[in-house]
């Protein structure tokens, strides 16, 4: 019996092709997708292309042919950049002054997180209509497991994904890139291969060959420090890892060695988890001018602590570990953490722990950024048990609950605590909690291997 030819179809008109060809036989589009395993794969990663910038260009067509950077002013960092700016070398998390040196004619816009969240929710809704197995990674990307959906959609998984990408572009005015493979690690890698408007496939048979010449930094969890260690040991490509025994890698690098061995061979048995439980929640602010004094930094810390507490309450979580983040004027990063005796979701306790950590760092060093975050989550019902030592804790918790009620009714900015309200810096005119770049609020998901989001 003759085997059926591999699936081949046009990503624009979704017409099946009788054979792999450079252009669609119906509409003439060059976006014809063909792969020997295209009908056998069901794990996908969908990533919005230059998400923030794409939303802004959609709403302001006059920017369509211009380089656009989304970020927080001259002293902030790049949140994202359109592909025109990326050609000039601009990258996410790059200091804004450096980005403007590379692309001086860029249009710089401050982030509009409410708008981006709205578009992100619309994309997520379309994903959930396609399959119930959607695992969010951030506002603009998610894994999807489409196993068993062929009967529902009456077409192969790959065609369903192409139809979803086309619908997002048609109805929301932004584009996405799709990665399709046999596990999450490779699907995430595939979605980055042909941005923007990409659709890349990595099959089982080609996995080892595909990975062999790739840099080890492609593997989740291999950051700058780990990559430096591996390079000093003479390891630079994934192919080198493929020749080594698991025991040898574990002897050298511990549990990371096991991950290196497995992912270098494309082994990733994690399932797509639709719950997508948060792993950490944080908020941070970049100052318009460097700050060194406690009286300037503490009000900002209080403001950010309230933001984090609000996110905890919204997600019905409490946290046990509090993390302080500081970035010095010369871009050196400091992180400090404190483990609490019991989980909390109160701004008062988050701030108290963060302030204690901050006070140890006040030594004349000037800081350009401060952030506060939390991790090690528990259900909200376990939060803030009665404190027999701190008799005033209960009253402060009640006061915070009253403030939450007022803010819910009249708006977040309707009421402030004494430590943030009316605070003035030198000369009595500056309010560091407000006279700073817009706070960035982040939530990382329960997938420790995932690197910081790059769109």
Protein backbone atom coordinates (compact mmCIF):
# COMPACT_ATOMS: atom_id res chain seq x y z
CA UNK A 1 0.00 0.00 0.00
CA UNK A 2 1.34 3.43 -0.96
CA UNK A 3 1.81 5.79 1.97
CA UNK A 4 -0.21 9.01 1.90
CA UNK A 5 1.84 12.04 0.85
CA UNK A 6 2.87 14.46 3.64
CA UNK A 7 0.38 17.20 4.47
CA UNK A 8 0.96 20.40 2.52
CA UNK A 9 -1.29 23.47 2.63
CA UNK A 10 -1.38 27.22 2.06
CA UNK A 11 -1.28 29.26 5.26
CA UNK A 12 -3.21 32.12 3.62
CA UNK A 13 -6.18 30.41 1.94
CA UNK A 14 -5.86 27.08 3.84
CA UNK A 15 -6.10 25.09 0.59
CA UNK A 16 -4.45 21.68 0.67
CA UNK A 17 -1.77 21.22 -1.94
CA UNK A 18 -1.34 18.01 -3.91
CA UNK A 19 2.42 18.24 -3.43
CA UNK A 20 4.98 20.51 -1.82
CA UNK A 21 5.40 23.54 -4.05
CA UNK A 22 6.87 27.05 -3.66
CA UNK A 23 3.50 28.78 -4.21
CA UNK A 24 -0.15 27.98 -3.57
CA UNK A 25 -1.90 26.48 -6.58
CA UNK A 26 -5.04 28.53 -5.80
CA UNK A 27 -4.05 31.98 -4.45
CA UNK A 28 -0.40 32.09 -5.46
CA UNK A 29 0.82 32.78 -1.90
CA UNK A 30 4.42 31.75 -1.16
CA UNK A 31 3.39 30.74 2.37
CA UNK A 32 2.96 27.04 1.67
CA UNK A 33 3.69 24.78 4.63
CA UNK A 34 4.85 21.21 4.20
CA UNK A 35 6.64 18.80 6.52
CA UNK A 36 6.88 14.98 6.69
CA UNK A 37 5.47 14.95 10.25
CA UNK A 38 3.02 17.82 9.90
CA UNK A 39 0.03 15.55 10.52
CA UNK A 40 1.55 13.90 13.61
CA UNK A 41 2.40 16.85 15.88
CA UNK A 42 0.08 18.58 18.37
CA UNK A 43 2.10 20.69 20.85
CA UNK A 44 2.27 24.35 19.84
CA UNK A 45 3.68 27.59 21.12
CA UNK A 46 2.05 30.82 19.93
CA UNK A 47 3.88 34.09 20.43
CA UNK A 48 2.60 37.54 19.45
CA UNK A 49 5.09 39.41 17.25
CA UNK A 50 6.62 42.51 18.90
CA UNK A 51 3.37 42.64 20.84
CA UNK A 52 3.31 46.11 22.40
CA UNK A 53 4.71 47.77 19.30
CA UNK A 54 2.30 45.88 17.04
CA UNK A 55 -0.71 47.04 19.05
CA UNK A 56 0.50 50.64 18.85
CA UNK A 57 1.07 50.43 15.09
CA UNK A 58 -2.38 48.94 14.67
CA UNK A 59 -3.93 51.90 16.48
CA UNK A 60 -1.68 54.49 14.81
CA UNK A 61 -1.29 53.54 11.14
CA UNK A 62 0.98 56.54 10.54
CA UNK A 63 3.65 54.61 12.49
CA UNK A 64 3.50 51.52 10.27
CA UNK A 65 6.74 52.24 8.40
CA UNK A 66 8.61 53.86 11.30
CA UNK A 67 10.85 52.32 13.98
CA UNK A 68 8.85 52.17 17.21
CA UNK A 69 10.22 51.52 20.70
CA UNK A 70 7.99 50.93 23.70
CA UNK A 71 9.72 51.94 26.90
CA UNK A 72 9.95 54.27 29.85
CA UNK A 73 11.81 57.35 28.68
CA UNK A 74 15.52 58.09 28.41
CA UNK A 75 16.49 56.42 31.70
CA UNK A 76 14.23 53.41 31.35
CA UNK A 77 14.67 50.21 29.41
CA UNK A 78 13.14 48.91 26.20
CA UNK A 79 9.98 46.90 26.83
CA UNK A 80 9.80 45.89 23.20
CA UNK A 81 10.68 47.24 19.77
CA UNK A 82 9.17 46.75 16.35
CA UNK A 83 11.12 44.78 13.76
CA UNK A 84 12.30 47.91 11.97
CA UNK A 85 14.02 49.01 15.19
CA UNK A 86 15.34 45.50 15.78
CA UNK A 87 17.14 45.57 12.46
CA UNK A 88 19.08 48.53 13.88
CA UNK A 89 20.08 46.43 16.90
CA UNK A 90 17.45 47.46 19.44
CA UNK A 91 16.47 44.65 21.83
CA UNK A 92 14.12 44.15 24.77
CA UNK A 93 15.60 45.08 28.19
CA UNK A 94 18.23 47.29 26.52
CA UNK A 95 18.82 50.63 28.29
CA UNK A 96 16.83 53.30 26.49
CA UNK A 97 19.83 55.59 25.96
CA UNK A 98 21.64 52.80 24.12
CA UNK A 99 18.57 52.00 22.02
CA UNK A 100 18.32 55.65 20.95
CA UNK A 101 22.00 55.68 20.04
CA UNK A 102 21.36 52.75 17.71
CA UNK A 103 18.07 54.11 16.38
CA UNK A 104 17.93 57.89 16.94
CA UNK A 105 14.90 58.37 14.68
CA UNK A 106 12.74 55.92 16.65
CA UNK A 107 9.30 56.89 17.89
CA UNK A 108 9.32 56.17 21.63
CA UNK A 109 6.00 55.43 23.33
CA UNK A 110 5.27 54.70 26.97
CA UNK A 111 3.56 51.35 27.62
CA UNK A 112 -0.23 51.27 27.80
CA UNK A 113 -0.60 48.12 29.84
CA UNK A 114 -4.39 48.28 30.10
CA UNK A 115 -4.69 48.27 26.31
CA UNK A 116 -2.16 45.48 25.88
CA UNK A 117 -3.89 43.37 28.54
CA UNK A 118 -7.19 43.77 26.71
CA UNK A 119 -5.69 42.58 23.42
CA UNK A 120 -3.86 39.76 25.19
CA UNK A 121 -7.12 38.55 26.74
CA UNK A 122 -8.76 38.55 23.32
CA UNK A 123 -5.94 36.42 21.92
CA UNK A 124 -6.23 34.07 24.89
CA UNK A 125 -9.98 33.73 24.37
CA UNK A 126 -9.42 32.66 20.77
CA UNK A 127 -6.87 30.08 21.93
CA UNK A 128 -9.31 28.69 24.48
CA UNK A 129 -11.95 28.36 21.77
CA UNK A 130 -9.48 26.22 19.84
CA UNK A 131 -8.50 23.86 22.69
CA UNK A 132 -9.07 23.77 26.48
CA UNK A 133 -5.40 22.93 26.98
CA UNK A 134 -3.83 26.41 26.92
CA UNK A 135 -0.94 27.25 29.27
CA UNK A 136 -0.23 30.99 29.42
CA UNK A 137 3.39 32.08 29.79
CA UNK A 138 2.80 35.83 29.66
CA UNK A 139 0.35 38.37 28.31
CA UNK A 140 1.38 37.58 24.72
CA UNK A 141 2.38 33.90 24.52
CA UNK A 142 1.10 30.47 25.48
CA UNK A 143 1.53 26.76 24.91
CA UNK A 144 -1.34 24.79 23.38
CA UNK A 145 -2.00 21.05 23.24
CA UNK A 146 -4.30 20.26 20.33
CA UNK A 147 -4.24 16.47 20.70
CA UNK A 148 -7.62 15.03 19.79
CA UNK A 149 -9.01 18.23 18.25
CA UNK A 150 -8.95 17.02 14.65
CA UNK A 151 -12.52 15.70 14.82
CA UNK A 152 -13.77 18.91 16.43
CA UNK A 153 -12.21 21.22 13.85
CA UNK A 154 -12.49 18.73 10.96
CA UNK A 155 -8.94 19.38 9.84
CA UNK A 156 -5.36 18.58 10.90
CA UNK A 157 -3.85 20.40 13.89
CA UNK A 158 -1.45 22.40 11.72
CA UNK A 159 -4.31 23.81 9.63
CA UNK A 160 -6.25 24.69 12.79
CA UNK A 161 -3.26 26.65 14.06
CA UNK A 162 -2.86 28.45 10.73
CA UNK A 163 -6.56 29.34 10.82
CA UNK A 164 -6.16 30.66 14.37
CA UNK A 165 -3.19 32.83 13.37
CA UNK A 166 -5.16 34.20 10.43
CA UNK A 167 -8.17 34.96 12.66
CA UNK A 168 -6.01 36.84 15.19
CA UNK A 169 -4.53 38.93 12.41
CA UNK A 170 -7.92 39.59 10.80
CA UNK A 171 -9.94 40.38 13.92
CA UNK A 172 -7.32 41.92 16.25
CA UNK A 173 -4.94 43.50 13.77
CA UNK A 174 -1.76 41.94 15.17
CA UNK A 175 0.32 38.99 14.02
CA UNK A 176 1.59 35.87 15.77
CA UNK A 177 4.25 33.26 15.13
CA UNK A 178 3.57 29.56 15.62
CA UNK A 179 5.91 26.76 16.65
CA UNK A 180 4.70 23.17 16.28
CA UNK A 181 6.53 20.12 17.62
CA UNK A 182 6.25 17.04 19.81
CA UNK A 183 7.00 18.80 23.12
CA UNK A 184 6.98 22.22 24.77
CA UNK A 185 10.70 22.89 24.61
CA UNK A 186 10.90 22.39 20.86
CA UNK A 187 7.61 24.18 20.17
CA UNK A 188 8.98 27.24 21.96
CA UNK A 189 12.22 27.04 19.98
CA UNK A 190 10.28 26.66 16.71
CA UNK A 191 8.13 29.75 17.27
CA UNK A 192 11.27 31.92 17.29
CA UNK A 193 12.67 30.63 14.00
CA UNK A 194 10.77 32.68 11.41
CA UNK A 195 9.39 35.77 13.13
CA UNK A 196 7.26 37.68 12.30
CA UNK A 197 4.21 35.78 10.96
CA UNK A 198 6.18 32.57 11.17
CA UNK A 199 5.06 28.95 11.31
CA UNK A 200 7.91 26.52 11.99
CA UNK A 201 7.88 22.79 12.61
CA UNK A 202 10.41 20.56 14.38
CA UNK A 203 9.62 16.86 13.97
CA UNK A 204 10.77 13.89 16.02
CA UNK A 205 13.04 12.46 13.35
CA UNK A 206 15.00 15.67 12.91
CA UNK A 207 15.28 16.65 16.57
CA UNK A 208 18.88 15.58 17.27
CA UNK A 209 20.10 16.88 13.94
CA UNK A 210 18.31 20.20 14.34
CA UNK A 211 19.67 20.82 17.83
CA UNK A 212 23.25 19.66 17.22
CA UNK A 213 24.71 22.93 15.91
CA UNK A 214 22.67 25.25 18.13
CA UNK A 215 24.30 27.15 21.03
CA UNK A 216 23.79 25.71 24.50
CA UNK A 217 22.20 29.01 25.55
CA UNK A 218 19.11 27.87 23.60
CA UNK A 219 18.34 25.46 26.45
CA UNK A 220 15.94 26.78 29.10
CA UNK A 221 17.68 27.64 32.32
CA UNK A 222 21.08 28.29 30.76
CA UNK A 223 21.57 31.94 31.63
CA UNK A 224 24.62 34.13 31.32
CA UNK A 225 26.42 32.67 34.35
CA UNK A 226 25.75 29.03 33.45
CA UNK A 227 26.65 29.63 29.82
CA UNK A 228 29.95 31.17 30.94
CA UNK A 229 30.70 28.11 33.08
CA UNK A 230 29.98 25.77 30.18
CA UNK A 231 32.15 27.80 27.81
CA UNK A 232 35.04 27.69 30.26
CA UNK A 233 34.62 23.93 30.24
CA UNK A 234 34.85 23.94 26.45
CA UNK A 235 31.13 23.34 25.83
CA UNK A 236 29.47 25.69 23.37
CA UNK A 237 27.07 23.65 21.21
CA UNK A 238 24.21 21.33 22.03
CA UNK A 239 25.83 18.70 19.83
CA UNK A 240 28.69 18.46 22.31
CA UNK A 241 26.21 17.70 25.08
CA UNK A 242 24.66 14.97 22.93
CA UNK A 243 27.96 13.04 23.01
CA UNK A 244 28.16 13.07 26.83
CA UNK A 245 26.68 10.67 29.37
CA UNK A 246 23.97 11.86 31.74
CA UNK A 247 26.02 10.77 34.77
CA UNK A 248 29.00 12.83 33.60
CA UNK A 249 26.89 15.96 33.15
CA UNK A 250 25.23 15.47 36.54
CA UNK A 251 28.61 14.98 38.21
CA UNK A 252 29.77 18.29 36.74
CA UNK A 253 26.62 20.40 37.03
CA UNK A 254 24.25 18.66 39.41
CA UNK A 255 20.54 18.75 38.58
CA UNK A 256 21.25 21.20 35.77
CA UNK A 257 23.33 18.44 34.20
CA UNK A 258 20.25 16.24 33.99
CA UNK A 259 18.36 19.05 32.25
CA UNK A 260 21.25 19.61 29.82
CA UNK A 261 21.33 15.92 28.96
CA UNK A 262 17.59 15.62 28.40
CA UNK A 263 16.93 18.86 26.52
CA UNK A 264 20.02 18.45 24.34
CA UNK A 265 18.26 15.33 23.06
CA UNK A 266 14.91 17.06 22.75
CA UNK A 267 13.41 15.14 25.69
CA UNK A 268 10.72 17.15 27.48
CA UNK A 269 7.87 15.23 29.10
CA UNK A 270 6.06 18.19 30.68
CA UNK A 271 2.40 18.41 29.76
CA UNK A 272 0.58 21.60 28.83
CA UNK A 273 -0.88 22.87 32.10
CA UNK A 274 -3.98 25.05 31.56
CA UNK A 275 -3.92 26.27 35.16
CA UNK A 276 -0.71 28.20 34.56
CA UNK A 277 -0.23 28.93 38.25
CA UNK A 278 1.93 31.93 39.07
CA UNK A 279 5.50 31.31 40.20
CA UNK A 280 6.32 34.90 41.14
CA UNK A 281 4.66 38.30 41.22
CA UNK A 282 6.66 41.52 41.18
CA UNK A 283 6.63 45.24 40.43
CA UNK A 284 9.56 47.56 39.72
CA UNK A 285 10.27 51.17 38.79
CA UNK A 286 13.16 52.89 37.02
CA UNK A 287 13.91 56.39 38.33
CA UNK A 288 14.34 59.45 36.15
CA UNK A 289 17.44 60.25 38.23
CA UNK A 290 19.49 57.96 40.46
CA UNK A 291 18.48 57.83 44.14
CA UNK A 292 20.58 56.92 47.17
CA UNK A 293 18.74 58.20 50.26
CA UNK A 294 16.37 56.03 52.30
CA UNK A 295 13.84 58.88 52.48
CA UNK A 296 13.63 58.81 48.67
CA UNK A 297 13.65 55.04 48.17
CA UNK A 298 11.32 53.95 50.97
CA UNK A 299 8.15 55.65 49.62
CA UNK A 300 8.70 54.02 46.23
CA UNK A 301 9.12 50.66 47.91
CA UNK A 302 5.86 51.16 49.79
CA UNK A 303 4.04 52.04 46.57
CA UNK A 304 5.38 48.94 44.80
CA UNK A 305 4.52 46.75 47.80
CA UNK A 306 0.91 47.89 47.53
CA UNK A 307 0.92 46.98 43.84
CA UNK A 308 2.24 43.47 44.56
CA UNK A 309 -0.25 42.98 47.39
CA UNK A 310 -3.07 43.97 45.05
CA UNK A 311 -1.97 41.32 42.55
CA UNK A 312 -1.84 38.68 45.29
CA UNK A 313 -5.37 39.52 46.38
CA UNK A 314 -6.64 39.47 42.82
CA UNK A 315 -5.23 35.97 42.27
CA UNK A 316 -6.27 34.57 45.68
CA UNK A 317 -2.68 33.80 46.60
CA UNK A 318 -0.35 34.46 49.51
CA UNK A 319 3.46 34.37 49.48
CA UNK A 320 6.18 33.35 51.91
CA UNK A 321 9.33 34.72 50.23
CA UNK A 322 9.86 38.45 49.63
CA UNK A 323 12.50 39.54 47.10
CA UNK A 324 14.06 43.00 46.83
CA UNK A 325 15.60 44.03 43.50
CA UNK A 326 17.98 46.96 43.07
CA UNK A 327 19.94 48.11 40.03
CA UNK A 328 22.86 50.47 40.60
CA UNK A 329 23.74 53.48 38.47
CA UNK A 330 26.31 51.33 36.64
CA UNK A 331 23.66 48.65 35.90
CA UNK A 332 24.82 46.13 38.51
CA UNK A 333 21.92 44.07 39.80
CA UNK A 334 21.37 43.27 43.47
CA UNK A 335 18.69 40.82 44.66
CA UNK A 336 17.99 40.09 48.31
CA UNK A 337 15.28 37.86 49.78
CA UNK A 338 13.66 37.10 53.11
CA UNK A 339 11.57 34.09 54.12
CA UNK A 340 8.55 34.97 56.24
CA UNK A 341 7.32 32.89 59.15
CA UNK A 342 3.89 32.61 57.51
CA UNK A 343 2.44 33.43 54.10
CA UNK A 344 1.11 36.94 53.54
CA UNK A 345 -0.76 38.99 50.99
CA UNK A 346 -0.66 42.25 52.94
CA UNK A 347 1.21 45.27 51.62
CA UNK A 348 2.18 46.08 55.22
CA UNK A 349 4.13 42.84 55.67
CA UNK A 350 5.59 42.83 52.17
CA UNK A 351 6.81 46.38 52.71
CA UNK A 352 8.22 45.63 56.16
CA UNK A 353 10.28 42.74 54.84
CA UNK A 354 11.40 44.74 51.80
CA UNK A 355 12.33 47.75 53.93
CA UNK A 356 14.48 45.63 56.22
CA UNK A 357 16.34 44.32 53.18
CA UNK A 358 16.65 47.80 51.69
CA UNK A 359 18.11 49.34 54.84
CA UNK A 360 21.10 46.99 54.57
CA UNK A 361 21.84 48.34 51.08
CA UNK A 362 21.73 52.05 51.95
CA UNK A 363 25.43 52.87 51.93
CA UNK A 364 25.66 55.83 49.57
CA UNK A 365 25.23 53.70 46.44
CA UNK A 366 23.01 55.37 43.88
CA UNK A 367 20.25 53.25 42.40
CA UNK A 368 18.45 53.61 39.08
CA UNK A 369 15.82 50.91 39.72
CA UNK A 370 14.02 49.33 42.65
CA UNK A 371 11.61 46.41 42.65
CA UNK A 372 9.80 44.17 45.12
CA UNK A 373 8.41 40.72 44.45
CA UNK A 374 7.20 37.55 46.12
CA UNK A 375 7.21 33.81 45.51
CA UNK A 376 6.58 30.47 47.27
CA UNK A 377 2.81 30.73 47.02
CA UNK A 378 0.06 29.28 49.19
CA UNK A 379 -3.74 29.57 49.01
CA UNK A 380 -5.15 32.88 50.26
CA UNK A 381 -6.94 31.12 53.16
CA UNK A 382 -3.53 30.43 54.77
CA UNK A 383 -2.45 34.06 54.66
CA UNK A 384 -1.61 36.24 57.66
CA UNK A 385 -2.51 34.13 60.71
CA UNK A 386 -2.89 35.94 64.05
CA UNK A 387 0.43 37.26 65.33
CA UNK A 388 0.79 36.83 69.08
CA UNK A 389 4.04 38.80 69.14
CA UNK A 390 2.94 41.79 67.06
CA UNK A 391 -0.30 42.83 68.73
CA UNK A 392 -0.87 45.63 66.21
CA UNK A 393 -0.73 43.36 63.17
CA UNK A 394 -4.43 42.57 63.27
CA UNK A 395 -5.42 46.23 63.36
CA UNK A 396 -3.09 47.05 60.46
CA UNK A 397 -4.62 44.20 58.45
CA UNK A 398 -8.10 45.58 59.13
CA UNK A 399 -6.96 49.06 58.11
CA UNK A 400 -5.51 47.69 54.87
CA UNK A 401 -8.75 45.87 54.11
CA UNK A 402 -10.61 49.16 54.58
CA UNK A 403 -8.20 50.90 52.19
CA UNK A 404 -8.72 48.12 49.63
CA UNK A 405 -12.48 48.67 49.83
CA UNK A 406 -12.11 52.41 49.26
CA UNK A 407 -9.71 51.93 46.35
CA UNK A 408 -12.02 49.39 44.75
CA UNK A 409 -14.85 51.92 44.94
CA UNK A 410 -13.04 55.15 44.07
CA UNK A 411 -9.95 54.01 42.17
CA UNK A 412 -6.38 52.95 42.99
CA UNK A 413 -5.07 56.51 43.28
CA UNK A 414 -7.93 57.79 45.42
CA UNK A 415 -6.16 57.19 48.72
CA UNK A 416 -2.54 56.82 49.81
CA UNK A 417 -0.78 55.83 52.98
CA UNK A 418 1.07 58.48 54.95
CA UNK A 419 4.46 57.15 53.88
CA UNK A 420 3.74 57.79 50.18
CA UNK A 421 1.39 60.76 50.30
CA UNK A 422 3.01 64.17 50.02
CA UNK A 423 6.55 62.83 50.30
CA UNK A 424 9.05 65.36 48.98
CA UNK A 425 12.66 64.95 48.07
CA UNK A 426 15.32 67.59 48.35
CA UNK A 427 13.70 70.99 47.86
CA UNK A 428 10.23 69.65 48.74
CA UNK A 429 9.15 69.29 45.12
CA UNK A 430 9.93 65.74 44.08
CA UNK A 431 7.84 62.66 44.77
CA UNK A 432 10.00 59.61 43.95
CA UNK A 433 7.04 57.23 44.08
CA UNK A 434 5.47 59.13 41.19
CA UNK A 435 8.41 60.98 39.62
CA UNK A 436 9.78 57.82 38.03
CA UNK A 437 9.32 55.64 34.98
CA UNK A 438 6.02 53.71 34.99
CA UNK A 439 6.17 50.64 37.20
CA UNK A 440 6.53 47.34 35.40
CA UNK A 441 4.40 44.59 36.90
CA UNK A 442 5.34 41.01 36.16
CA UNK A 443 4.07 37.51 36.78
CA UNK A 444 6.16 34.50 35.86
CA UNK A 445 4.39 31.21 35.43
CA UNK A 446 4.99 27.79 36.95
CA UNK A 447 7.53 26.61 34.40
CA UNK A 448 10.98 27.22 35.91
CA UNK A 449 12.79 26.42 32.68
CA UNK A 450 11.22 29.30 30.79
CA UNK A 451 13.58 32.22 30.16
CA UNK A 452 12.47 35.84 30.41
CA UNK A 453 9.93 36.63 27.78
CA UNK A 454 11.23 37.81 24.42
CA UNK A 455 8.72 38.79 21.82
